[in-house]
C-alpha atoms as a PDB file:
ATOM      1  CA  MET A   1     137.733 168.401 183.127  1.00  0.00           C
ATOM      2  CA  LYS A   2     137.904 165.034 181.304  1.00  0.00           C
ATOM      3  CA  ILE A   3     141.011 166.112 179.361  1.00  0.00           C
ATOM      4  CA  ARG A   4     142.640 167.351 182.532  1.00  0.00           C
ATOM      5  CA  THR A   5     141.962 164.034 184.312  1.00  0.00           C
ATOM      6  CA  THR A   6     143.313 162.086 181.362  1.00  0.00           C
ATOM      7  CA  ALA A   7     146.423 164.220 181.289  1.00  0.00           C
ATOM      8  CA  LEU A   8     146.985 163.722 185.024  1.00  0.00           C
ATOM      9  CA  LEU A   9     146.573 159.961 184.659  1.00  0.00           C
ATOM     10  CA  VAL A  10     149.055 159.866 181.741  1.00  0.00           C
ATOM     11  CA  CYS A  11     151.573 161.903 183.731  1.00  0.00           C
ATOM     12  CA  ALA A  12     151.135 159.740 186.814  1.00  0.00           C
ATOM     13  CA  GLY A  13     151.563 156.585 184.703  1.00  0.00           C
ATOM     14  CA  ALA A  14     154.702 157.971 183.047  1.00  0.00           C
ATOM     15  CA  ALA A  15     156.158 159.024 186.439  1.00  0.00           C
ATOM     16  CA  GLY A  16     155.491 155.548 187.759  1.00  0.00           C
ATOM     17  CA  PHE A  17     157.189 153.934 184.747  1.00  0.00           C
ATOM     18  CA  VAL A  18     160.242 156.192 185.120  1.00  0.00           C
ATOM     19  CA  ALA A  19     160.457 155.478 188.863  1.00  0.00           C
ATOM     20  CA  LEU A  20     160.174 151.718 188.275  1.00  0.00           C
ATOM     21  CA  HIS A  21     162.735 151.804 185.484  1.00  0.00           C
ATOM     22  CA  ALA A  22     165.155 153.833 187.616  1.00  0.00           C
ATOM     23  CA  GLN A  23     164.953 151.191 190.386  1.00  0.00           C
ATOM     24  CA  GLN A  24     166.148 148.440 187.995  1.00  0.00           C
ATOM     25  CA  GLN A  25     169.808 147.720 187.990  1.00  0.00           C
ATOM     26  CA  ALA A  26     171.936 149.465 185.319  1.00  0.00           C
ATOM     27  CA  PRO A  27     173.176 147.252 182.510  1.00  0.00           C
ATOM     28  CA  SER A  28     176.478 145.490 183.256  1.00  0.00           C
ATOM     29  CA  VAL A  29     179.349 146.036 180.829  1.00  0.00           C
ATOM     30  CA  ALA A  30     181.086 142.959 182.193  1.00  0.00           C
ATOM     31  CA  ALA A  31     178.030 140.751 181.714  1.00  0.00           C
ATOM     32  CA  SER A  32     177.572 142.129 178.205  1.00  0.00           C
ATOM     33  CA  ALA A  33     181.151 141.367 177.235  1.00  0.00           C
ATOM     34  CA  LYS A  34     180.936 137.878 178.739  1.00  0.00           C
ATOM     35  CA  ARG A  35     177.744 137.121 176.731  1.00  0.00           C
ATOM     36  CA  SER A  36     179.404 138.322 173.506  1.00  0.00           C
ATOM     37  CA  TYR A  37     182.536 136.277 174.245  1.00  0.00           C
ATOM     38  CA  THR A  38     180.609 133.124 175.071  1.00  0.00           C
ATOM     39  CA  GLY A  39     178.638 133.420 171.790  1.00  0.00           C
ATOM     40  CA  ILE A  40     181.697 133.748 169.540  1.00  0.00           C
ATOM     41  CA  LYS A  41     183.638 131.135 171.504  1.00  0.00           C
ATOM     42  CA  ASN A  42     180.824 128.578 171.030  1.00  0.00           C
ATOM     43  CA  ASN A  43     180.420 129.364 167.318  1.00  0.00           C
ATOM     44  CA  PHE A  44     184.172 129.307 166.695  1.00  0.00           C
ATOM     45  CA  ILE A  45     184.614 125.890 168.317  1.00  0.00           C
ATOM     46  CA  LYS A  46     181.487 124.479 166.653  1.00  0.00           C
ATOM     47  CA  ALA A  47     182.755 125.640 163.198  1.00  0.00           C
ATOM     48  CA  ALA A  48     186.123 124.026 163.771  1.00  0.00           C
ATOM     49  CA  GLU A  49     184.342 120.786 164.792  1.00  0.00           C
ATOM     50  CA  LYS A  50     181.816 120.911 161.988  1.00  0.00           C
ATOM     51  CA  MET A  51     184.179 121.412 159.062  1.00  0.00           C
ATOM     52  CA  PRO A  52     185.224 118.025 157.726  1.00  0.00           C
ATOM     53  CA  GLU A  53     188.986 117.380 158.110  1.00  0.00           C
ATOM     54  CA  GLU A  54     189.424 116.965 154.368  1.00  0.00           C
ATOM     55  CA  ASN A  55     188.360 120.650 153.979  1.00  0.00           C
ATOM     56  CA  TYR A  56     190.910 121.990 156.446  1.00  0.00           C
ATOM     57  CA  SER A  57     193.356 122.500 153.605  1.00  0.00           C
ATOM     58  CA  PHE A  58     190.752 124.327 151.488  1.00  0.00           C
ATOM     59  CA  LYS A  59     191.396 127.896 150.456  1.00  0.00           C
ATOM     60  CA  PRO A  60     189.075 129.776 148.117  1.00  0.00           C
ATOM     61  CA  ALA A  61     191.916 131.445 146.168  1.00  0.00           C
ATOM     62  CA  ASP A  62     195.705 131.126 146.046  1.00  0.00           C
ATOM     63  CA  ALA A  63     196.221 134.435 147.862  1.00  0.00           C
ATOM     64  CA  LEU A  64     194.072 133.358 150.839  1.00  0.00           C
ATOM     65  CA  GLU A  65     194.823 131.213 153.881  1.00  0.00           C
ATOM     66  CA  THR A  66     193.544 127.676 154.258  1.00  0.00           C
ATOM     67  CA  PHE A  67     190.655 127.072 156.615  1.00  0.00           C
ATOM     68  CA  GLU A  68     193.227 125.529 158.977  1.00  0.00           C
ATOM     69  CA  ARG A  69     195.521 128.601 158.977  1.00  0.00           C
ATOM     70  CA  LYS A  70     192.511 130.933 159.229  1.00  0.00           C
ATOM     71  CA  GLN A  71     191.860 129.383 162.632  1.00  0.00           C
ATOM     72  CA  GLY A  72     195.384 130.156 163.708  1.00  0.00           C
ATOM     73  CA  ALA A  73     197.083 126.804 163.258  1.00  0.00           C
ATOM     74  CA  ALA A  74     200.412 126.998 165.056  1.00  0.00           C
ATOM     75  CA  LYS A  75     202.298 124.719 162.668  1.00  0.00           C
ATOM     76  CA  ALA A  76     202.146 124.168 158.933  1.00  0.00           C
ATOM     77  CA  THR A  77     199.762 121.243 159.189  1.00  0.00           C
ATOM     78  CA  MET A  78     197.737 120.041 162.111  1.00  0.00           C
ATOM     79  CA  SER A  79     195.146 117.378 162.255  1.00  0.00           C
ATOM     80  CA  LYS A  80     191.581 118.512 162.908  1.00  0.00           C
ATOM     81  CA  ALA A  81     191.739 116.952 166.383  1.00  0.00           C
ATOM     82  CA  GLU A  82     194.982 118.812 167.179  1.00  0.00           C
ATOM     83  CA  LEU A  83     193.591 122.111 165.952  1.00  0.00           C
ATOM     84  CA  VAL A  84     190.271 121.786 167.776  1.00  0.00           C
ATOM     85  CA  ALA A  85     192.145 120.920 170.964  1.00  0.00           C
ATOM     86  CA  ALA A  86     194.466 123.944 170.448  1.00  0.00           C
ATOM     87  CA  ILE A  87     191.490 126.248 169.886  1.00  0.00           C
ATOM     88  CA  LYS A  88     189.786 124.992 173.062  1.00  0.00           C
ATOM     89  CA  GLU A  89     193.045 125.468 175.002  1.00  0.00           C
ATOM     90  CA  SER A  90     193.316 129.031 173.719  1.00  0.00           C
ATOM     91  CA  PHE A  91     189.741 129.734 174.723  1.00  0.00           C
ATOM     92  CA  ASP A  92     190.456 128.240 178.163  1.00  0.00           C
ATOM     93  CA  ALA A  93     193.134 130.929 178.605  1.00  0.00           C
ATOM     94  CA  CYS A  94     190.704 133.611 177.456  1.00  0.00           C
ATOM     95  CA  ASP A  95     188.046 132.264 179.850  1.00  0.00           C
ATOM     96  CA  LYS A  96     190.262 133.221 182.775  1.00  0.00           C
ATOM     97  CA  ALA A  97     190.513 136.843 181.515  1.00  0.00           C
ATOM     98  CA  PHE A  98     186.732 137.103 181.094  1.00  0.00           C
ATOM     99  CA  ASP A  99     186.029 135.371 184.396  1.00  0.00           C
ATOM    100  CA  ALA A 100     188.162 138.014 186.106  1.00  0.00           C
ATOM    101  CA  LEU A 101     186.254 140.878 184.394  1.00  0.00           C
ATOM    102  CA  THR A 102     183.911 142.908 186.610  1.00  0.00           C
ATOM    103  CA  ASP A 103     182.222 146.268 186.157  1.00  0.00           C
ATOM    104  CA  ALA A 104     184.539 147.563 188.886  1.00  0.00           C
ATOM    105  CA  ASN A 105     187.741 146.588 187.035  1.00  0.00           C
ATOM    106  CA  ALA A 106     186.630 147.044 183.431  1.00  0.00           C
ATOM    107  CA  LEU A 107     188.374 150.425 183.084  1.00  0.00           C
ATOM    108  CA  GLU A 108     191.565 149.413 184.869  1.00  0.00           C
ATOM    109  CA  THR A 109     194.559 149.548 182.573  1.00  0.00           C
ATOM    110  CA  VAL A 110     196.384 146.382 181.536  1.00  0.00           C
ATOM    111  CA  ALA A 111     199.483 145.840 179.377  1.00  0.00           C
ATOM    112  CA  ALA A 112     198.400 145.148 175.820  1.00  0.00           C
ATOM    113  CA  GLY A 113     199.946 145.664 172.431  1.00  0.00           C
ATOM    114  CA  ARG A 114     201.832 148.975 172.382  1.00  0.00           C
ATOM    115  CA  GLY A 115     201.166 149.957 175.949  1.00  0.00           C
ATOM    116  CA  GLN A 116     198.435 150.196 178.515  1.00  0.00           C
ATOM    117  CA  GLN A 117     194.808 149.783 177.523  1.00  0.00           C
ATOM    118  CA  PRO A 118     191.580 149.612 179.496  1.00  0.00           C
ATOM    119  CA  ARG A 119     190.810 145.934 180.309  1.00  0.00           C
ATOM    120  CA  ILE A 120     187.419 146.110 178.557  1.00  0.00           C
ATOM    121  CA  SER A 121     189.039 147.453 175.377  1.00  0.00           C
ATOM    122  CA  VAL A 122     191.438 144.525 175.235  1.00  0.00           C
ATOM    123  CA  LEU A 123     188.688 141.992 175.806  1.00  0.00           C
ATOM    124  CA  TYR A 124     186.340 143.591 173.283  1.00  0.00           C
ATOM    125  CA  GLY A 125     189.223 143.649 170.827  1.00  0.00           C
ATOM    126  CA  LEU A 126     189.492 139.873 171.272  1.00  0.00           C
ATOM    127  CA  ILE A 127     185.721 139.497 170.676  1.00  0.00           C
ATOM    128  CA  VAL A 128     185.872 141.620 167.513  1.00  0.00           C
ATOM    129  CA  HIS A 129     188.861 139.775 166.102  1.00  0.00           C
ATOM    130  CA  ALA A 130     187.332 136.361 166.837  1.00  0.00           C
ATOM    131  CA  ASN A 131     184.145 137.501 165.054  1.00  0.00           C
ATOM    132  CA  GLU A 132     186.132 138.608 162.013  1.00  0.00           C
ATOM    133  CA  VAL A 133     187.911 135.263 161.763  1.00  0.00           C
ATOM    134  CA  TYR A 134     184.647 133.370 162.336  1.00  0.00           C
ATOM    135  CA  GLY A 135     183.039 135.429 159.533  1.00  0.00           C
ATOM    136  CA  ALA A 136     185.762 134.249 157.122  1.00  0.00           C
ATOM    137  CA  MET A 137     185.390 130.687 158.405  1.00  0.00           C
ATOM    138  CA  GLY A 138     181.676 130.916 157.606  1.00  0.00           C
ATOM    139  CA  VAL A 139     182.414 131.914 154.022  1.00  0.00           C
ATOM    140  CA  TYR A 140     184.817 128.935 153.654  1.00  0.00           C
ATOM    141  CA  MET A 141     182.165 126.647 155.115  1.00  0.00           C
ATOM    142  CA  ARG A 142     179.392 127.945 152.774  1.00  0.00           C
ATOM    143  CA  LEU A 143     181.713 127.513 149.756  1.00  0.00           C
ATOM    144  CA  LYS A 144     181.865 123.853 150.769  1.00  0.00           C
ATOM    145  CA  GLY A 145     178.055 123.635 151.179  1.00  0.00           C
ATOM    146  CA  ILE A 146     178.189 123.676 154.986  1.00  0.00           C
ATOM    147  CA  VAL A 147     175.930 125.873 157.092  1.00  0.00           C
ATOM    148  CA  PRO A 148     177.913 127.798 159.766  1.00  0.00           C
ATOM    149  CA  PRO A 149     176.865 127.180 163.362  1.00  0.00           C
ATOM    150  CA  SER A 150     175.439 130.664 163.821  1.00  0.00           C
ATOM    151  CA  SER A 151     173.116 130.136 160.878  1.00  0.00           C
ATOM    152  CA  GLU A 152     171.808 126.713 161.802  1.00  0.00           C
ATOM    153  CA  GLY A 153     168.073 126.403 162.213  1.00  0.00           C
ATOM    154  CA  ARG A 154     167.260 129.584 160.275  1.00  0.00           C
END
């Protein structure tokens, strides 16, 4: 009898947990993408601001890009202030795309690259690429003895 009562209580508790969990809102793909984007945007801008201007021409090996070019400098040489402003302007344009993202339109197709792609694919592609570039920027910073923004306080 005691085992049976315990089993019933466990089942009732599990059923209550499942019912409570089912009532919670499903995770939002749009909110998740926006969180990821905001994180990389902040780290990318902070890295550009944190690297001293004299290190913008640094490249770890002849075959690699300079820190400045790694960030996507539009012209051969840009001052740190010009590049940081250009990065912020680029992210301002991206902000509009992420602000327009909703769960309802995430799978709508948009023109991208070689044709039509789901909106969420294009935006996650941007997040992935920005993380790849930021990862390289972090290596450049560490080679100069600078802690990248995402590692501060650890």
